[in-house]
Amino acid sequence: MKYIILIGLFISGFCCAQNLYYLLPEGNSFYLYEKQENDLVQLEKLDFDYTELYAFDGEELVIVNNDSTKIHYGKIENNRFVEEVVEEFPKKFKVQTIELKDQFAYLGGIDLSNEFFYVFDIESKEFFSVPIPEEVKVIGKAIDDVLFLDKRMIAVDNIIFPKFLIEYDLKELPNLRSSKVTQLKYNGTYEQYKKGEINKDYLILLSDTHSVYIGTSYHISVLRSSDFDQGFSVSSKLKKSRNEYFTWNDILLVNNKVFVACKEKGLGVFEIMESYFKKEKHPKLNDVWLNNKISQKKIQYIEAFDREPIKILSFSSDKIIVILNNPKNQKSFKLIEI
């Protein structure tokens, strides 16, 4: 099966902007919080189970219902979520990621009918499918992330080698068409992308690889966001033994620093340095090429937890939010100075 991660881009820095509101867990419940000065204030409990399938745009919120069949849209009014639109997804579509920007919701996922990404116009309540170029299109695919920067949308072709960045011009909304295809470097066999982050300088991708011969490893790839032409990666594998590696659950890009949620070590961080970028020309499509590697010793683990960190959220210039999970699948969060 072939999978696709979609990454969209807006010059506003939406992906790393700090929200006015947050949805955060306590146990198995989900609560709406407001950011007030440099702290969080709880507003109300929502009638949704914990999910990562939601997105804010200012005081607007979209969230997927508990059985992943509908999209709910509304606004925060008088410290409450006031629902305005509820719409069922297209048949056979299983949503895996959602974003919200300027009255459009971006929905990525798996669709047995071979439509894997939709733009939903909230005003007209219409779904518009987003095509990919024929040269990278096969049956069975998925979208795993959506980001924004500079009126472009970037799809990251996942699992089957070679992989591509597929760019879209958001000026064409809602009828998007691809404008450019760029081949990605790879980190190993059966690579699957899990998360993307972008700002005006860098694009970072979290992935994992699996091999019968060398085992499992997680990887963070860093590219320049100007042209995606130079980059490097760091891997979580510890030794030559196939079973020794750290599990990286999430990443967050803050200026030139990458924060890492590590199951075994807690919260880690490394700084992106100019010396890590290797200058070389892009090969022709279908050529085999590898990422320039740096040592995972560059990652400094700055805080340990008694629960597993599973998600990192941007909060302010000097704080981030880490979502934690215990063995009973009860979740909590912690606001951490950085």
C-alpha atoms as a PDB file:
ATOM      1  CA  MET A   1       0.000   0.000   0.000  1.00  0.00           C
ATOM      2  CA  LYS A   2       1.154   3.522  -0.722  1.00  0.00           C
ATOM      3  CA  TYR A   3       0.582   6.346   1.740  1.00  0.00           C
ATOM      4  CA  ILE A   4       0.808  10.111   1.398  1.00  0.00           C
ATOM      5  CA  ILE A   5       1.455  12.722   4.050  1.00  0.00           C
ATOM      6  CA  LEU A   6       0.188  16.114   3.034  1.00  0.00           C
ATOM      7  CA  ILE A   7       1.883  19.265   4.231  1.00  0.00           C
ATOM      8  CA  GLY A   8       0.419  22.652   3.304  1.00  0.00           C
ATOM      9  CA  LEU A   9       2.269  25.959   3.773  1.00  0.00           C
ATOM     10  CA  PHE A  10       1.302  29.651   4.526  1.00  0.00           C
ATOM     11  CA  ILE A  11       3.769  32.556   5.048  1.00  0.00           C
ATOM     12  CA  SER A  12       1.848  33.540   8.183  1.00  0.00           C
ATOM     13  CA  GLY A  13       3.784  30.920  10.131  1.00  0.00           C
ATOM     14  CA  PHE A  14       0.511  29.215  11.061  1.00  0.00           C
ATOM     15  CA  CYS A  15       2.259  25.945  11.923  1.00  0.00           C
ATOM     16  CA  CYS A  16       4.300  27.512  14.694  1.00  0.00           C
ATOM     17  CA  ALA A  17       1.887  30.256  15.785  1.00  0.00           C
ATOM     18  CA  GLN A  18       0.672  30.170  19.366  1.00  0.00           C
ATOM     19  CA  ASN A  19      -3.038  29.458  19.770  1.00  0.00           C
ATOM     20  CA  LEU A  20      -5.527  31.494  21.764  1.00  0.00           C
ATOM     21  CA  TYR A  21      -7.301  28.269  22.742  1.00  0.00           C
ATOM     22  CA  TYR A  22      -6.305  24.654  23.386  1.00  0.00           C
ATOM     23  CA  LEU A  23      -8.022  21.305  23.763  1.00  0.00           C
ATOM     24  CA  LEU A  24      -6.253  19.371  26.511  1.00  0.00           C
ATOM     25  CA  PRO A  25      -6.940  16.053  28.272  1.00  0.00           C
ATOM     26  CA  GLU A  26      -7.534  15.103  31.879  1.00  0.00           C
ATOM     27  CA  GLY A  27      -7.925  11.361  32.246  1.00  0.00           C
ATOM     28  CA  ASN A  28     -10.269  10.314  29.460  1.00  0.00           C
ATOM     29  CA  SER A  29     -12.001  13.717  29.220  1.00  0.00           C
ATOM     30  CA  PHE A  30     -11.326  16.652  26.907  1.00  0.00           C
ATOM     31  CA  TYR A  31     -11.381  20.283  28.060  1.00  0.00           C
ATOM     32  CA  LEU A  32     -11.314  23.669  26.345  1.00  0.00           C
ATOM     33  CA  TYR A  33      -8.633  26.023  27.697  1.00  0.00           C
ATOM     34  CA  GLU A  34      -7.912  29.672  27.010  1.00  0.00           C
ATOM     35  CA  LYS A  35      -4.435  31.157  27.014  1.00  0.00           C
ATOM     36  CA  GLN A  36      -4.365  34.103  29.432  1.00  0.00           C
ATOM     37  CA  GLU A  37      -1.054  35.946  29.664  1.00  0.00           C
ATOM     38  CA  ASN A  38       1.444  33.145  30.229  1.00  0.00           C
ATOM     39  CA  ASP A  39      -0.905  30.534  31.691  1.00  0.00           C
ATOM     40  CA  LEU A  40      -3.888  28.307  30.837  1.00  0.00           C
ATOM     41  CA  VAL A  41      -7.450  28.767  32.170  1.00  0.00           C
ATOM     42  CA  GLN A  42      -9.987  25.936  31.878  1.00  0.00           C
ATOM     43  CA  LEU A  43     -13.285  26.989  30.252  1.00  0.00           C
ATOM     44  CA  GLU A  44     -15.457  23.894  29.733  1.00  0.00           C
ATOM     45  CA  LYS A  45     -15.555  20.140  29.275  1.00  0.00           C
ATOM     46  CA  LEU A  46     -16.367  19.056  25.717  1.00  0.00           C
ATOM     47  CA  ASP A  47     -18.591  16.157  24.678  1.00  0.00           C
ATOM     48  CA  PHE A  48     -15.747  14.548  22.732  1.00  0.00           C
ATOM     49  CA  ASP A  49     -13.265  11.842  23.651  1.00  0.00           C
ATOM     50  CA  TYR A  50      -9.560  12.687  23.475  1.00  0.00           C
ATOM     51  CA  THR A  51      -8.463  13.070  19.869  1.00  0.00           C
ATOM     52  CA  GLU A  52      -5.735  14.761  17.862  1.00  0.00           C
ATOM     53  CA  LEU A  53      -8.217  15.327  15.028  1.00  0.00           C
ATOM     54  CA  TYR A  54      -9.014  18.987  15.676  1.00  0.00           C
ATOM     55  CA  ALA A  55      -7.717  22.406  14.652  1.00  0.00           C
ATOM     56  CA  PHE A  56      -8.101  26.049  15.688  1.00  0.00           C
ATOM     57  CA  ASP A  57      -8.015  29.196  13.585  1.00  0.00           C
ATOM     58  CA  GLY A  58      -8.312  32.064  16.026  1.00  0.00           C
ATOM     59  CA  GLU A  59     -11.667  31.588  17.789  1.00  0.00           C
ATOM     60  CA  GLU A  60     -12.857  28.989  15.261  1.00  0.00           C
ATOM     61  CA  LEU A  61     -12.606  25.240  15.903  1.00  0.00           C
ATOM     62  CA  VAL A  62     -13.091  22.096  13.830  1.00  0.00           C
ATOM     63  CA  ILE A  63     -13.108  18.692  15.499  1.00  0.00           C
ATOM     64  CA  VAL A  64     -13.882  15.142  14.387  1.00  0.00           C
ATOM     65  CA  ASN A  65     -16.577  13.235  16.300  1.00  0.00           C
ATOM     66  CA  ASN A  66     -15.804  10.123  18.357  1.00  0.00           C
ATOM     67  CA  ASP A  67     -16.518   7.576  15.608  1.00  0.00           C
ATOM     68  CA  SER A  68     -14.653   9.649  12.964  1.00  0.00           C
ATOM     69  CA  THR A  69     -17.659   9.982  10.648  1.00  0.00           C
ATOM     70  CA  LYS A  70     -18.410  13.718  10.939  1.00  0.00           C
ATOM     71  CA  ILE A  71     -16.711  17.092  11.080  1.00  0.00           C
ATOM     72  CA  HIS A  72     -17.957  19.612  13.665  1.00  0.00           C
ATOM     73  CA  TYR A  73     -17.278  23.332  13.146  1.00  0.00           C
ATOM     74  CA  GLY A  74     -18.025  26.218  15.487  1.00  0.00           C
ATOM     75  CA  LYS A  75     -16.702  29.258  17.341  1.00  0.00           C
ATOM     76  CA  ILE A  76     -15.661  30.037  20.904  1.00  0.00           C
ATOM     77  CA  GLU A  77     -18.269  32.452  22.270  1.00  0.00           C
ATOM     78  CA  ASN A  78     -18.662  33.472  25.926  1.00  0.00           C
ATOM     79  CA  ASN A  79     -16.097  30.851  26.953  1.00  0.00           C
ATOM     80  CA  ARG A  80     -18.047  28.033  25.249  1.00  0.00           C
ATOM     81  CA  PHE A  81     -17.772  26.083  22.009  1.00  0.00           C
ATOM     82  CA  VAL A  82     -20.866  27.014  19.960  1.00  0.00           C
ATOM     83  CA  GLU A  83     -21.395  24.488  17.179  1.00  0.00           C
ATOM     84  CA  GLU A  84     -22.536  25.832  13.782  1.00  0.00           C
ATOM     85  CA  VAL A  85     -21.882  23.096  11.199  1.00  0.00           C
ATOM     86  CA  VAL A  86     -21.954  19.285  11.391  1.00  0.00           C
ATOM     87  CA  GLU A  87     -21.204  17.426   8.163  1.00  0.00           C
ATOM     88  CA  GLU A  88     -20.623  13.769   7.336  1.00  0.00           C
ATOM     89  CA  PHE A  89     -17.422  12.793   5.557  1.00  0.00           C
ATOM     90  CA  PRO A  90     -17.592  11.368   2.031  1.00  0.00           C
ATOM     91  CA  LYS A  91     -18.390   7.654   1.972  1.00  0.00           C
ATOM     92  CA  LYS A  92     -15.422   5.271   2.472  1.00  0.00           C
ATOM     93  CA  PHE A  93     -13.227   8.136   3.745  1.00  0.00           C
ATOM     94  CA  LYS A  94     -11.341   7.630   7.027  1.00  0.00           C
ATOM     95  CA  VAL A  95      -9.895  10.901   8.295  1.00  0.00           C
ATOM     96  CA  GLN A  96      -6.341  10.912   9.737  1.00  0.00           C
ATOM     97  CA  THR A  97      -5.521  14.608   9.919  1.00  0.00           C
ATOM     98  CA  ILE A  98      -7.373  17.937   9.925  1.00  0.00           C
ATOM     99  CA  GLU A  99      -6.458  21.627   9.724  1.00  0.00           C
ATOM    100  CA  LEU A 100      -8.413  24.883   9.547  1.00  0.00           C
ATOM    101  CA  LYS A 101      -7.512  28.125   7.777  1.00  0.00           C
ATOM    102  CA  ASP A 102      -9.625  30.991   6.411  1.00  0.00           C
ATOM    103  CA  GLN A 103     -12.955  29.114   6.355  1.00  0.00           C
ATOM    104  CA  PHE A 104     -11.475  26.015   4.715  1.00  0.00           C
ATOM    105  CA  ALA A 105     -10.918  22.714   6.538  1.00  0.00           C
ATOM    106  CA  TYR A 106      -8.180  20.430   5.163  1.00  0.00           C
ATOM    107  CA  LEU A 107      -8.907  16.730   5.660  1.00  0.00           C
ATOM    108  CA  GLY A 108      -6.417  13.974   4.951  1.00  0.00           C
ATOM    109  CA  GLY A 109      -6.830  10.245   5.331  1.00  0.00           C
ATOM    110  CA  ILE A 110      -7.589   6.921   3.650  1.00  0.00           C
ATOM    111  CA  ASP A 111     -10.340   6.427   1.099  1.00  0.00           C
ATOM    112  CA  LEU A 112     -11.130   3.098  -0.560  1.00  0.00           C
ATOM    113  CA  SER A 113     -12.509   5.041  -3.522  1.00  0.00           C
ATOM    114  CA  ASN A 114      -8.984   6.445  -4.131  1.00  0.00           C
ATOM    115  CA  GLU A 115      -9.716   9.981  -2.880  1.00  0.00           C
ATOM    116  CA  PHE A 116      -7.305  10.613  -0.022  1.00  0.00           C
ATOM    117  CA  PHE A 117      -7.428  14.376   0.602  1.00  0.00           C
ATOM    118  CA  TYR A 118     -10.286  16.869   0.696  1.00  0.00           C
ATOM    119  CA  VAL A 119     -10.774  20.586   1.141  1.00  0.00           C
ATOM    120  CA  PHE A 120     -14.054  21.392   2.915  1.00  0.00           C
ATOM    121  CA  ASP A 121     -15.566  24.823   2.212  1.00  0.00           C
ATOM    122  CA  ILE A 122     -17.307  25.696   5.475  1.00  0.00           C
ATOM    123  CA  GLU A 123     -19.483  28.418   3.927  1.00  0.00           C
ATOM    124  CA  SER A 124     -20.844  26.264   1.082  1.00  0.00           C
ATOM    125  CA  LYS A 125     -20.552  22.960   3.021  1.00  0.00           C
ATOM    126  CA  GLU A 126     -18.922  21.291  -0.004  1.00  0.00           C
ATOM    127  CA  PHE A 127     -16.062  18.764  -0.138  1.00  0.00           C
ATOM    128  CA  PHE A 128     -13.480  19.188  -2.931  1.00  0.00           C
ATOM    129  CA  SER A 129     -11.040  16.335  -3.638  1.00  0.00           C
ATOM    130  CA  VAL A 130      -7.349  17.200  -4.148  1.00  0.00           C
ATOM    131  CA  PRO A 131      -5.551  15.295  -6.954  1.00  0.00           C
ATOM    132  CA  ILE A 132      -1.912  14.186  -7.105  1.00  0.00           C
ATOM    133  CA  PRO A 133       0.276  13.833 -10.241  1.00  0.00           C
ATOM    134  CA  GLU A 134      -0.132  10.595 -12.179  1.00  0.00           C
ATOM    135  CA  GLU A 135       3.571   9.715 -11.849  1.00  0.00           C
ATOM    136  CA  VAL A 136       3.240   9.210  -8.081  1.00  0.00           C
ATOM    137  CA  LYS A 137      -0.344   7.979  -7.942  1.00  0.00           C
ATOM    138  CA  VAL A 138      -1.199   4.359  -7.095  1.00  0.00           C
ATOM    139  CA  ILE A 139      -4.154   2.615  -5.478  1.00  0.00           C
ATOM    140  CA  GLY A 140      -4.306   2.892  -1.668  1.00  0.00           C
ATOM    141  CA  LYS A 141      -2.897   5.969   0.040  1.00  0.00           C
ATOM    142  CA  ALA A 142      -3.278   8.238   3.052  1.00  0.00           C
ATOM    143  CA  ILE A 143      -2.600  11.779   4.307  1.00  0.00           C
ATOM    144  CA  ASP A 144      -1.015  12.078   7.731  1.00  0.00           C
ATOM    145  CA  ASP A 145      -0.306  15.784   8.341  1.00  0.00           C
ATOM    146  CA  VAL A 146      -1.183  19.308   7.169  1.00  0.00           C
ATOM    147  CA  LEU A 147       0.924  22.465   7.720  1.00  0.00           C
ATOM    148  CA  PHE A 148       0.874  25.974   6.180  1.00  0.00           C
ATOM    149  CA  LEU A 149       3.430  28.486   4.819  1.00  0.00           C
ATOM    150  CA  ASP A 150       3.652  30.867   1.853  1.00  0.00           C
ATOM    151  CA  LYS A 151       0.503  29.965  -0.138  1.00  0.00           C
ATOM    152  CA  ARG A 152       1.898  26.523  -0.964  1.00  0.00           C
ATOM    153  CA  MET A 153       0.700  23.063  -0.062  1.00  0.00           C
ATOM    154  CA  ILE A 154       3.214  20.220   0.012  1.00  0.00           C
ATOM    155  CA  ALA A 155       2.287  16.529  -0.188  1.00  0.00           C
ATOM    156  CA  VAL A 156       4.920  14.088   1.072  1.00  0.00           C
ATOM    157  CA  ASP A 157       4.771  10.734  -0.701  1.00  0.00           C
ATOM    158  CA  ASN A 158       5.086   7.982   1.924  1.00  0.00           C
ATOM    159  CA  ILE A 159       6.243   4.309   2.246  1.00  0.00           C
ATOM    160  CA  ILE A 160       6.974   3.290  -1.380  1.00  0.00           C
ATOM    161  CA  PHE A 161      10.358   4.439  -2.709  1.00  0.00           C
ATOM    162  CA  PRO A 162      11.014   6.936  -4.249  1.00  0.00           C
ATOM    163  CA  LYS A 163       9.197   9.582  -2.192  1.00  0.00           C
ATOM    164  CA  PHE A 164       8.271  13.071  -3.338  1.00  0.00           C
ATOM    165  CA  LEU A 165       7.285  16.530  -2.142  1.00  0.00           C
ATOM    166  CA  ILE A 166       4.248  17.558  -4.196  1.00  0.00           C
ATOM    167  CA  GLU A 167       3.506  21.297  -4.135  1.00  0.00           C
ATOM    168  CA  TYR A 168       0.114  22.991  -4.530  1.00  0.00           C
ATOM    169  CA  ASP A 169      -0.741  26.669  -4.980  1.00  0.00           C
ATOM    170  CA  LEU A 170      -3.417  27.630  -2.449  1.00  0.00           C
ATOM    171  CA  LYS A 171      -4.431  30.612  -4.587  1.00  0.00           C
ATOM    172  CA  GLU A 172      -6.411  28.037  -6.585  1.00  0.00           C
ATOM    173  CA  LEU A 173      -8.650  27.100  -3.632  1.00  0.00           C
ATOM    174  CA  PRO A 174     -10.853  25.128  -3.522  1.00  0.00           C
ATOM    175  CA  ASN A 175      -9.846  23.408  -6.812  1.00  0.00           C
ATOM    176  CA  LEU A 176      -6.170  22.682  -6.110  1.00  0.00           C
ATOM    177  CA  ARG A 177      -3.736  21.387  -8.747  1.00  0.00           C
ATOM    178  CA  SER A 178      -0.111  20.347  -8.196  1.00  0.00           C
ATOM    179  CA  SER A 179       2.602  22.641  -9.564  1.00  0.00           C
ATOM    180  CA  LYS A 180       5.927  21.003  -8.660  1.00  0.00           C
ATOM    181  CA  VAL A 181       7.323  17.582  -7.679  1.00  0.00           C
ATOM    182  CA  THR A 182      10.609  17.197  -5.738  1.00  0.00           C
ATOM    183  CA  GLN A 183      12.224  13.887  -4.780  1.00  0.00           C
ATOM    184  CA  LEU A 184      12.966  13.307  -1.080  1.00  0.00           C
ATOM    185  CA  LYS A 185      16.034  11.689   0.398  1.00  0.00           C
ATOM    186  CA  TYR A 186      15.288   8.568   2.394  1.00  0.00           C
ATOM    187  CA  ASN A 187      16.448   7.174   5.746  1.00  0.00           C
ATOM    188  CA  GLY A 188      15.912   3.441   5.258  1.00  0.00           C
ATOM    189  CA  THR A 189      13.547   0.709   4.139  1.00  0.00           C
ATOM    190  CA  TYR A 190       9.754   0.868   4.621  1.00  0.00           C
ATOM    191  CA  GLU A 191       9.980   4.459   5.816  1.00  0.00           C
ATOM    192  CA  GLN A 192       6.719   5.968   7.096  1.00  0.00           C
ATOM    193  CA  TYR A 193       6.333   9.680   7.799  1.00  0.00           C
ATOM    194  CA  LYS A 194       4.390  10.505  10.973  1.00  0.00           C
ATOM    195  CA  LYS A 195       4.616  14.272  11.546  1.00  0.00           C
ATOM    196  CA  GLY A 196       5.736  17.466   9.846  1.00  0.00           C
ATOM    197  CA  GLU A 197       6.561  20.944  11.120  1.00  0.00           C
ATOM    198  CA  ILE A 198       7.616  24.039   9.167  1.00  0.00           C
ATOM    199  CA  ASN A 199       8.636  27.675   9.616  1.00  0.00           C
ATOM    200  CA  LYS A 200      10.173  30.244   7.270  1.00  0.00           C
ATOM    201  CA  ASP A 201      13.591  28.571   7.525  1.00  0.00           C
ATOM    202  CA  TYR A 202      13.137  24.824   7.980  1.00  0.00           C
ATOM    203  CA  LEU A 203      10.876  21.869   7.254  1.00  0.00           C
ATOM    204  CA  ILE A 204      11.233  18.913   9.654  1.00  0.00           C
ATOM    205  CA  LEU A 205       9.755  15.422   9.273  1.00  0.00           C
ATOM    206  CA  LEU A 206       9.418  12.597  11.805  1.00  0.00           C
ATOM    207  CA  SER A 207       9.502   9.073  10.358  1.00  0.00           C
ATOM    208  CA  ASP A 208      10.310   5.488  11.229  1.00  0.00           C
ATOM    209  CA  THR A 209      11.939   2.656   9.266  1.00  0.00           C
ATOM    210  CA  HIS A 210      11.725  -1.115   9.646  1.00  0.00           C
ATOM    211  CA  SER A 211      14.156  -3.723   8.353  1.00  0.00           C
ATOM    212  CA  VAL A 212      14.533  -7.477   8.924  1.00  0.00           C
ATOM    213  CA  TYR A 213      18.314  -7.012   8.897  1.00  0.00           C
ATOM    214  CA  ILE A 214      18.944  -3.841  10.925  1.00  0.00           C
ATOM    215  CA  GLY A 215      15.660  -3.483  12.859  1.00  0.00           C
ATOM    216  CA  THR A 216      13.601  -0.399  13.706  1.00  0.00           C
ATOM    217  CA  SER A 217      14.688   3.227  13.970  1.00  0.00           C
ATOM    218  CA  TYR A 218      13.045   6.654  14.187  1.00  0.00           C
ATOM    219  CA  HIS A 219      14.343   9.609  12.170  1.00  0.00           C
ATOM    220  CA  ILE A 220      14.071  13.397  12.144  1.00  0.00           C
ATOM    221  CA  SER A 221      14.829  14.927   8.743  1.00  0.00           C
ATOM    222  CA  VAL A 222      15.552  18.658   8.416  1.00  0.00           C
ATOM    223  CA  LEU A 223      15.325  20.545   5.099  1.00  0.00           C
ATOM    224  CA  ARG A 224      15.573  24.197   4.191  1.00  0.00           C
ATOM    225  CA  SER A 225      12.025  25.402   3.559  1.00  0.00           C
ATOM    226  CA  SER A 226      13.131  27.806   0.817  1.00  0.00           C
ATOM    227  CA  ASP A 227      13.759  25.069  -1.756  1.00  0.00           C
ATOM    228  CA  PHE A 228      13.996  21.709   0.121  1.00  0.00           C
ATOM    229  CA  ASP A 229      17.375  21.293  -1.596  1.00  0.00           C
ATOM    230  CA  GLN A 230      19.667  20.785   1.399  1.00  0.00           C
ATOM    231  CA  GLY A 231      19.132  18.778   4.552  1.00  0.00           C
ATOM    232  CA  PHE A 232      20.258  16.286   7.166  1.00  0.00           C
ATOM    233  CA  SER A 233      18.719  13.721   9.514  1.00  0.00           C
ATOM    234  CA  VAL A 234      19.277  12.220  12.950  1.00  0.00           C
ATOM    235  CA  SER A 235      18.265   8.656  13.858  1.00  0.00           C
ATOM    236  CA  SER A 236      17.207   7.055  17.129  1.00  0.00           C
ATOM    237  CA  LYS A 237      19.031   3.733  16.708  1.00  0.00           C
ATOM    238  CA  LEU A 238      21.461   3.171  19.570  1.00  0.00           C
ATOM    239  CA  LYS A 239      23.768   0.345  18.481  1.00  0.00           C
ATOM    240  CA  LYS A 240      24.159  -2.189  15.705  1.00  0.00           C
ATOM    241  CA  SER A 241      21.752  -4.511  17.496  1.00  0.00           C
ATOM    242  CA  ARG A 242      18.406  -4.388  15.659  1.00  0.00           C
ATOM    243  CA  ASN A 243      16.360  -3.993  18.871  1.00  0.00           C
ATOM    244  CA  GLU A 244      18.134  -1.007  20.444  1.00  0.00           C
ATOM    245  CA  TYR A 245      16.532   2.339  19.624  1.00  0.00           C
ATOM    246  CA  PHE A 246      14.633   5.225  21.207  1.00  0.00           C
ATOM    247  CA  THR A 247      10.936   5.699  20.355  1.00  0.00           C
ATOM    248  CA  TRP A 248      10.238   9.267  19.211  1.00  0.00           C
ATOM    249  CA  ASN A 249       6.500  10.043  19.416  1.00  0.00           C
ATOM    250  CA  ASP A 250       6.380  13.677  18.311  1.00  0.00           C
ATOM    251  CA  ILE A 251       8.420  16.705  17.252  1.00  0.00           C
ATOM    252  CA  LEU A 252       8.009  20.489  17.495  1.00  0.00           C
ATOM    253  CA  LEU A 253       9.948  23.185  15.631  1.00  0.00           C
ATOM    254  CA  VAL A 254      10.585  26.419  17.566  1.00  0.00           C
ATOM    255  CA  ASN A 255      12.760  28.862  15.593  1.00  0.00           C
ATOM    256  CA  ASN A 256      15.961  26.848  14.989  1.00  0.00           C
ATOM    257  CA  LYS A 257      15.357  24.270  17.736  1.00  0.00           C
ATOM    258  CA  VAL A 258      13.720  20.860  17.387  1.00  0.00           C
ATOM    259  CA  PHE A 259      11.947  19.426  20.448  1.00  0.00           C
ATOM    260  CA  VAL A 260      11.457  15.646  20.649  1.00  0.00           C
ATOM    261  CA  ALA A 261       8.961  13.605  22.714  1.00  0.00           C
ATOM    262  CA  CYS A 262      10.868  10.409  23.547  1.00  0.00           C
ATOM    263  CA  LYS A 263       9.162   7.438  25.230  1.00  0.00           C
ATOM    264  CA  GLU A 264      12.310   6.322  27.070  1.00  0.00           C
ATOM    265  CA  LYS A 265      14.073   9.645  27.829  1.00  0.00           C
ATOM    266  CA  GLY A 266      11.393  12.345  28.073  1.00  0.00           C
ATOM    267  CA  LEU A 267      11.684  15.751  26.399  1.00  0.00           C
ATOM    268  CA  GLY A 268      14.719  16.280  24.177  1.00  0.00           C
ATOM    269  CA  VAL A 269      15.961  19.203  22.084  1.00  0.00           C
ATOM    270  CA  PHE A 270      18.655  19.926  19.531  1.00  0.00           C
ATOM    271  CA  GLU A 271      19.665  23.087  17.707  1.00  0.00           C
ATOM    272  CA  ILE A 272      19.779  23.237  13.909  1.00  0.00           C
ATOM    273  CA  MET A 273      23.314  24.277  12.900  1.00  0.00           C
ATOM    274  CA  GLU A 274      24.488  25.449   9.486  1.00  0.00           C
ATOM    275  CA  SER A 275      27.348  22.945   9.621  1.00  0.00           C
ATOM    276  CA  TYR A 276      24.833  20.059   9.563  1.00  0.00           C
ATOM    277  CA  PHE A 277      23.700  20.837   6.013  1.00  0.00           C
ATOM    278  CA  LYS A 278      25.502  19.018   3.249  1.00  0.00           C
ATOM    279  CA  LYS A 279      25.667  20.820  -0.076  1.00  0.00           C
ATOM    280  CA  GLU A 280      24.837  18.652  -3.064  1.00  0.00           C
ATOM    281  CA  LYS A 281      22.680  18.789  -6.154  1.00  0.00           C
ATOM    282  CA  HIS A 282      19.392  16.985  -6.477  1.00  0.00           C
ATOM    283  CA  PRO A 283      19.701  13.700  -8.348  1.00  0.00           C
ATOM    284  CA  LYS A 284      17.379  12.764 -11.151  1.00  0.00           C
ATOM    285  CA  LEU A 285      14.060  11.177 -10.240  1.00  0.00           C
ATOM    286  CA  ASN A 286      14.327   7.530  -9.142  1.00  0.00           C
ATOM    287  CA  ASP A 287      18.046   7.780  -8.263  1.00  0.00           C
ATOM    288  CA  VAL A 288      18.914   6.255  -4.858  1.00  0.00           C
ATOM    289  CA  TRP A 289      20.236   8.825  -2.365  1.00  0.00           C
ATOM    290  CA  LEU A 290      20.557   9.034   1.398  1.00  0.00           C
ATOM    291  CA  ASN A 291      20.230  11.810   3.960  1.00  0.00           C
ATOM    292  CA  ASN A 292      23.343  13.363   5.460  1.00  0.00           C
ATOM    293  CA  LYS A 293      23.437  11.993   9.038  1.00  0.00           C
ATOM    294  CA  ILE A 294      24.312  13.681  12.323  1.00  0.00           C
ATOM    295  CA  SER A 295      24.792  11.925  15.666  1.00  0.00           C
ATOM    296  CA  GLN A 296      21.831  11.566  18.026  1.00  0.00           C
ATOM    297  CA  LYS A 297      24.256  12.718  20.724  1.00  0.00           C
ATOM    298  CA  LYS A 298      23.351  16.215  19.499  1.00  0.00           C
ATOM    299  CA  ILE A 299      19.997  15.743  21.266  1.00  0.00           C
ATOM    300  CA  GLN A 300      19.978  16.937  24.880  1.00  0.00           C
ATOM    301  CA  TYR A 301      17.235  15.468  27.072  1.00  0.00           C
ATOM    302  CA  ILE A 302      16.093  18.272  29.356  1.00  0.00           C
ATOM    303  CA  GLU A 303      13.155  16.817  31.311  1.00  0.00           C
ATOM    304  CA  ALA A 304      12.103  13.298  32.333  1.00  0.00           C
ATOM    305  CA  PHE A 305       8.528  12.215  33.140  1.00  0.00           C
ATOM    306  CA  ASP A 306       6.888   9.359  35.048  1.00  0.00           C
ATOM    307  CA  ARG A 307       4.512   8.951  32.071  1.00  0.00           C
ATOM    308  CA  GLU A 308       5.098   8.687  28.336  1.00  0.00           C
ATOM    309  CA  PRO A 309       5.207  12.006  26.395  1.00  0.00           C
ATOM    310  CA  ILE A 310       3.058  11.541  23.290  1.00  0.00           C
ATOM    311  CA  LYS A 311       2.474  15.076  21.969  1.00  0.00           C
ATOM    312  CA  ILE A 312       4.163  18.507  22.035  1.00  0.00           C
ATOM    313  CA  LEU A 313       2.263  21.776  21.460  1.00  0.00           C
ATOM    314  CA  SER A 314       3.565  25.298  20.970  1.00  0.00           C
ATOM    315  CA  PHE A 315       2.494  27.765  23.685  1.00  0.00           C
ATOM    316  CA  SER A 316       4.793  30.812  23.884  1.00  0.00           C
ATOM    317  CA  SER A 317       8.356  31.869  23.170  1.00  0.00           C
ATOM    318  CA  ASP A 318       9.486  30.348  26.471  1.00  0.00           C
ATOM    319  CA  LYS A 319       6.940  27.570  27.159  1.00  0.00           C
ATOM    320  CA  ILE A 320       5.575  24.462  25.467  1.00  0.00           C
ATOM    321  CA  ILE A 321       2.815  21.985  26.363  1.00  0.00           C
ATOM    322  CA  VAL A 322       3.613  18.264  26.658  1.00  0.00           C
ATOM    323  CA  ILE A 323       0.764  15.737  26.658  1.00  0.00           C
ATOM    324  CA  LEU A 324       1.477  12.609  28.723  1.00  0.00           C
ATOM    325  CA  ASN A 325      -0.055   9.132  28.781  1.00  0.00           C
ATOM    326  CA  ASN A 326       0.083   6.461  31.508  1.00  0.00           C
ATOM    327  CA  PRO A 327      -0.175   2.638  31.090  1.00  0.00           C
ATOM    328  CA  LYS A 328      -3.958   2.837  31.684  1.00  0.00           C
ATOM    329  CA  ASN A 329      -4.260   5.237  28.727  1.00  0.00           C
ATOM    330  CA  GLN A 330      -5.195   8.128  31.003  1.00  0.00           C
ATOM    331  CA  LYS A 331      -3.829  11.396  29.683  1.00  0.00           C
ATOM    332  CA  SER A 332      -2.667  14.628  31.268  1.00  0.00           C
ATOM    333  CA  PHE A 333      -0.558  17.607  30.255  1.00  0.00           C
ATOM    334  CA  LYS A 334       2.257  19.748  31.590  1.00  0.00           C
ATOM    335  CA  LEU A 335       3.256  23.328  30.770  1.00  0.00           C
ATOM    336  CA  ILE A 336       7.059  23.431  30.575  1.00  0.00           C
ATOM    337  CA  GLU A 337       9.544  26.295  30.420  1.00  0.00           C
ATOM    338  CA  ILE A 338      12.140  25.963  27.646  1.00  0.00           C
END
